[in-house]
Amino acid sequence: MAFVTFMTGNTGRMLRIIAGIVLMTVGVLVVKDTLGTVLAVVALIPLAGGVLDFCIVGAVLGYPFRGAAAREQLARKRQSR
């Protein structure tokens, strides 16, 4: 639960955006060729997740896909304790 809380929060979103940018940069400028292109395309997942506020890890762990809905569910769980 703590990991999903972090990843759906503002810090987690910024981390995903930065990770996406770094992966894309490494793929395009360092690795190059086909593997670099694949890495750059894969980098779109965390980048888009941070920008569009969705969390694939949260969905895999049973939380809503959308970040706002996951934050609401996590807040309800904290209040019910």
N, C-alpha and C. Protein backbone atom coordinates (compact mmCIF):
# COMPACT_ATOMS: atom_id res chain seq x y z
N MET A 1 0.82 -1.19 0.00
CA MET A 1 0.00 0.00 0.00
C MET A 1 0.86 1.26 0.00
N ALA A 2 1.96 1.25 0.74
CA ALA A 2 2.81 2.43 0.81
C ALA A 2 3.42 2.76 -0.56
N PHE A 3 3.78 1.72 -1.31
CA PHE A 3 4.37 1.94 -2.63
C PHE A 3 3.36 2.58 -3.57
N VAL A 4 2.13 2.08 -3.54
CA VAL A 4 1.09 2.65 -4.42
C VAL A 4 0.77 4.07 -3.98
N THR A 5 0.76 4.33 -2.68
CA THR A 5 0.53 5.68 -2.18
C THR A 5 1.60 6.62 -2.72
N PHE A 6 2.86 6.18 -2.66
CA PHE A 6 3.96 7.00 -3.18
C PHE A 6 3.82 7.21 -4.68
N MET A 7 3.58 6.15 -5.43
CA MET A 7 3.57 6.24 -6.89
C MET A 7 2.39 7.07 -7.42
N THR A 8 1.26 7.10 -6.70
CA THR A 8 0.12 7.88 -7.16
C THR A 8 0.18 9.32 -6.66
N GLY A 9 1.10 9.61 -5.77
CA GLY A 9 1.26 10.98 -5.27
C GLY A 9 2.06 11.83 -6.24
N ASN A 10 2.19 13.11 -5.92
CA ASN A 10 2.90 14.04 -6.80
C ASN A 10 4.37 13.66 -6.97
N THR A 11 5.01 13.22 -5.89
CA THR A 11 6.42 12.84 -5.98
C THR A 11 6.60 11.63 -6.90
N GLY A 12 5.73 10.65 -6.78
CA GLY A 12 5.80 9.47 -7.63
C GLY A 12 5.54 9.81 -9.09
N ARG A 13 4.61 10.71 -9.32
CA ARG A 13 4.34 11.13 -10.70
C ARG A 13 5.55 11.83 -11.29
N MET A 14 6.18 12.72 -10.53
CA MET A 14 7.37 13.41 -11.02
C MET A 14 8.51 12.42 -11.26
N LEU A 15 8.65 11.43 -10.39
CA LEU A 15 9.68 10.41 -10.55
C LEU A 15 9.46 9.62 -11.84
N ARG A 16 8.20 9.28 -12.14
CA ARG A 16 7.91 8.56 -13.38
C ARG A 16 8.19 9.42 -14.61
N ILE A 17 7.88 10.70 -14.54
CA ILE A 17 8.17 11.60 -15.66
C ILE A 17 9.68 11.69 -15.88
N ILE A 18 10.43 11.88 -14.81
CA ILE A 18 11.88 11.98 -14.92
C ILE A 18 12.48 10.67 -15.42
N ALA A 19 11.99 9.54 -14.89
CA ALA A 19 12.48 8.24 -15.35
C ALA A 19 12.21 8.04 -16.84
N GLY A 20 11.04 8.44 -17.29
CA GLY A 20 10.71 8.33 -18.71
C GLY A 20 11.62 9.17 -19.58
N ILE A 21 11.89 10.38 -19.13
CA ILE A 21 12.77 11.27 -19.90
C ILE A 21 14.20 10.70 -19.94
N VAL A 22 14.67 10.21 -18.79
CA VAL A 22 16.02 9.64 -18.73
C VAL A 22 16.12 8.41 -19.62
N LEU A 23 15.14 7.50 -19.53
CA LEU A 23 15.17 6.31 -20.37
C LEU A 23 15.14 6.66 -21.86
N MET A 24 14.32 7.64 -22.20
CA MET A 24 14.23 8.03 -23.60
C MET A 24 15.55 8.64 -24.08
N THR A 25 16.14 9.47 -23.26
CA THR A 25 17.42 10.08 -23.61
C THR A 25 18.51 9.03 -23.78
N VAL A 26 18.57 8.09 -22.85
CA VAL A 26 19.56 7.01 -22.95
C VAL A 26 19.31 6.19 -24.21
N GLY A 27 18.07 5.89 -24.49
CA GLY A 27 17.75 5.10 -25.68
C GLY A 27 18.12 5.79 -26.97
N VAL A 28 17.89 7.08 -27.05
CA VAL A 28 18.14 7.81 -28.30
C VAL A 28 19.61 8.21 -28.45
N LEU A 29 20.22 8.66 -27.36
CA LEU A 29 21.56 9.22 -27.48
C LEU A 29 22.69 8.26 -27.12
N VAL A 30 22.43 7.28 -26.27
CA VAL A 30 23.51 6.40 -25.82
C VAL A 30 23.46 5.04 -26.50
N VAL A 31 22.33 4.36 -26.42
CA VAL A 31 22.24 3.00 -26.93
C VAL A 31 22.15 2.98 -28.45
N LYS A 32 21.31 3.83 -29.01
CA LYS A 32 21.10 3.94 -30.47
C LYS A 32 20.61 2.63 -31.08
N ASP A 33 20.61 2.55 -32.38
CA ASP A 33 20.15 1.38 -33.14
C ASP A 33 18.78 0.90 -32.68
N THR A 34 18.47 -0.35 -32.90
CA THR A 34 17.15 -0.90 -32.61
C THR A 34 16.87 -0.94 -31.12
N LEU A 35 17.83 -1.36 -30.33
CA LEU A 35 17.63 -1.43 -28.88
C LEU A 35 17.36 -0.05 -28.30
N GLY A 36 18.03 0.95 -28.81
CA GLY A 36 17.79 2.32 -28.35
C GLY A 36 16.39 2.79 -28.69
N THR A 37 15.91 2.44 -29.87
CA THR A 37 14.55 2.79 -30.27
C THR A 37 13.53 2.09 -29.38
N VAL A 38 13.76 0.82 -29.12
CA VAL A 38 12.87 0.06 -28.23
C VAL A 38 12.86 0.69 -26.84
N LEU A 39 14.01 1.04 -26.32
CA LEU A 39 14.10 1.67 -25.00
C LEU A 39 13.37 3.01 -24.98
N ALA A 40 13.51 3.78 -26.04
CA ALA A 40 12.82 5.07 -26.12
C ALA A 40 11.30 4.89 -26.17
N VAL A 41 10.84 3.88 -26.87
CA VAL A 41 9.39 3.61 -26.94
C VAL A 41 8.88 3.12 -25.58
N VAL A 42 9.63 2.25 -24.93
CA VAL A 42 9.24 1.75 -23.59
C VAL A 42 9.21 2.90 -22.59
N ALA A 43 10.07 3.88 -22.78
CA ALA A 43 10.12 5.05 -21.89
C ALA A 43 8.83 5.86 -21.94
N LEU A 44 8.05 5.69 -23.00
CA LEU A 44 6.78 6.41 -23.08
C LEU A 44 5.80 5.96 -22.01
N ILE A 45 5.93 4.73 -21.52
CA ILE A 45 4.99 4.22 -20.51
C ILE A 45 5.10 5.01 -19.21
N PRO A 46 6.28 5.08 -18.55
CA PRO A 46 6.32 5.88 -17.31
C PRO A 46 6.11 7.37 -17.56
N LEU A 47 6.57 7.85 -18.71
CA LEU A 47 6.38 9.26 -19.03
C LEU A 47 4.90 9.60 -19.15
N ALA A 48 4.18 8.81 -19.92
CA ALA A 48 2.74 9.04 -20.09
C ALA A 48 2.00 8.81 -18.77
N GLY A 49 2.44 7.81 -18.01
CA GLY A 49 1.80 7.55 -16.72
C GLY A 49 1.90 8.72 -15.77
N GLY A 50 3.06 9.36 -15.75
CA GLY A 50 3.22 10.52 -14.89
C GLY A 50 2.45 11.73 -15.38
N VAL A 51 2.48 11.96 -16.68
CA VAL A 51 1.79 13.13 -17.24
C VAL A 51 0.27 12.96 -17.20
N LEU A 52 -0.20 11.77 -17.55
CA LEU A 52 -1.65 11.53 -17.64
C LEU A 52 -2.26 10.97 -16.35
N ASP A 53 -1.45 10.80 -15.32
CA ASP A 53 -1.89 10.36 -14.00
C ASP A 53 -2.56 8.99 -14.03
N PHE A 54 -1.81 8.00 -14.48
CA PHE A 54 -2.24 6.62 -14.31
C PHE A 54 -1.07 5.81 -13.79
N CYS A 55 -1.39 4.72 -13.12
CA CYS A 55 -0.35 3.91 -12.48
C CYS A 55 -0.59 2.44 -12.78
N ILE A 56 0.24 1.88 -13.63
CA ILE A 56 0.10 0.47 -14.01
C ILE A 56 0.39 -0.43 -12.82
N VAL A 57 1.37 -0.08 -12.01
CA VAL A 57 1.71 -0.89 -10.84
C VAL A 57 0.52 -0.96 -9.88
N GLY A 58 -0.16 0.16 -9.70
CA GLY A 58 -1.35 0.17 -8.84
C GLY A 58 -2.42 -0.76 -9.35
N ALA A 59 -2.62 -0.77 -10.66
CA ALA A 59 -3.62 -1.65 -11.25
C ALA A 59 -3.24 -3.11 -11.07
N VAL A 60 -1.96 -3.42 -11.20
CA VAL A 60 -1.49 -4.80 -11.00
C VAL A 60 -1.71 -5.24 -9.54
N LEU A 61 -1.58 -4.30 -8.61
CA LEU A 61 -1.73 -4.62 -7.18
C LEU A 61 -3.18 -4.50 -6.70
N GLY A 62 -4.12 -4.28 -7.61
CA GLY A 62 -5.53 -4.28 -7.25
C GLY A 62 -6.14 -2.92 -6.98
N TYR A 63 -5.43 -1.86 -7.28
CA TYR A 63 -5.96 -0.52 -7.12
C TYR A 63 -6.44 -0.01 -8.47
N PRO A 64 -7.23 1.06 -8.48
CA PRO A 64 -7.69 1.59 -9.77
C PRO A 64 -6.54 2.05 -10.65
N PHE A 65 -6.75 2.00 -11.94
CA PHE A 65 -5.74 2.40 -12.93
C PHE A 65 -5.47 3.90 -12.88
N ARG A 66 -6.53 4.67 -12.74
CA ARG A 66 -6.39 6.13 -12.69
C ARG A 66 -5.83 6.56 -11.35
N GLY A 67 -4.91 7.51 -11.36
CA GLY A 67 -4.27 7.96 -10.13
C GLY A 67 -5.25 8.59 -9.15
N ALA A 68 -6.17 9.40 -9.63
CA ALA A 68 -7.12 10.07 -8.74
C ALA A 68 -8.00 9.05 -8.02
N ALA A 69 -8.46 8.06 -8.74
CA ALA A 69 -9.30 7.02 -8.13
C ALA A 69 -8.50 6.19 -7.13
N ALA A 70 -7.26 5.92 -7.44
CA ALA A 70 -6.41 5.16 -6.51
C ALA A 70 -6.16 5.97 -5.24
N ARG A 71 -5.93 7.28 -5.37
CA ARG A 71 -5.73 8.12 -4.19
C ARG A 71 -6.99 8.16 -3.33
N GLU A 72 -8.17 8.22 -3.97
CA GLU A 72 -9.42 8.20 -3.21
C GLU A 72 -9.58 6.90 -2.44
N GLN A 73 -9.29 5.78 -3.10
CA GLN A 73 -9.42 4.47 -2.44
C GLN A 73 -8.42 4.36 -1.29
N LEU A 74 -7.21 4.83 -1.47
CA LEU A 74 -6.21 4.79 -0.40
C LEU A 74 -6.62 5.68 0.77
N ALA A 75 -7.21 6.84 0.48
CA ALA A 75 -7.68 7.73 1.54
C ALA A 75 -8.80 7.08 2.34
N ARG A 76 -9.73 6.39 1.66
CA ARG A 76 -10.81 5.69 2.37
C ARG A 76 -10.25 4.59 3.26
N LYS A 77 -9.23 3.88 2.79
CA LYS A 77 -8.62 2.82 3.60
C LYS A 77 -7.96 3.41 4.85
N ARG A 78 -7.30 4.57 4.70
CA ARG A 78 -6.66 5.20 5.86
C ARG A 78 -7.70 5.67 6.87
N GLN A 79 -8.84 6.20 6.39
CA GLN A 79 -9.86 6.70 7.27
C GLN A 79 -10.57 5.58 8.02
N SER A 80 -10.67 4.42 7.39
CA SER A 80 -11.38 3.31 8.02
C SER A 80 -10.56 2.63 9.11
N ARG A 81 -9.32 2.95 9.22
CA ARG A 81 -8.47 2.34 10.25
C ARG A 81 -8.69 2.94 11.59
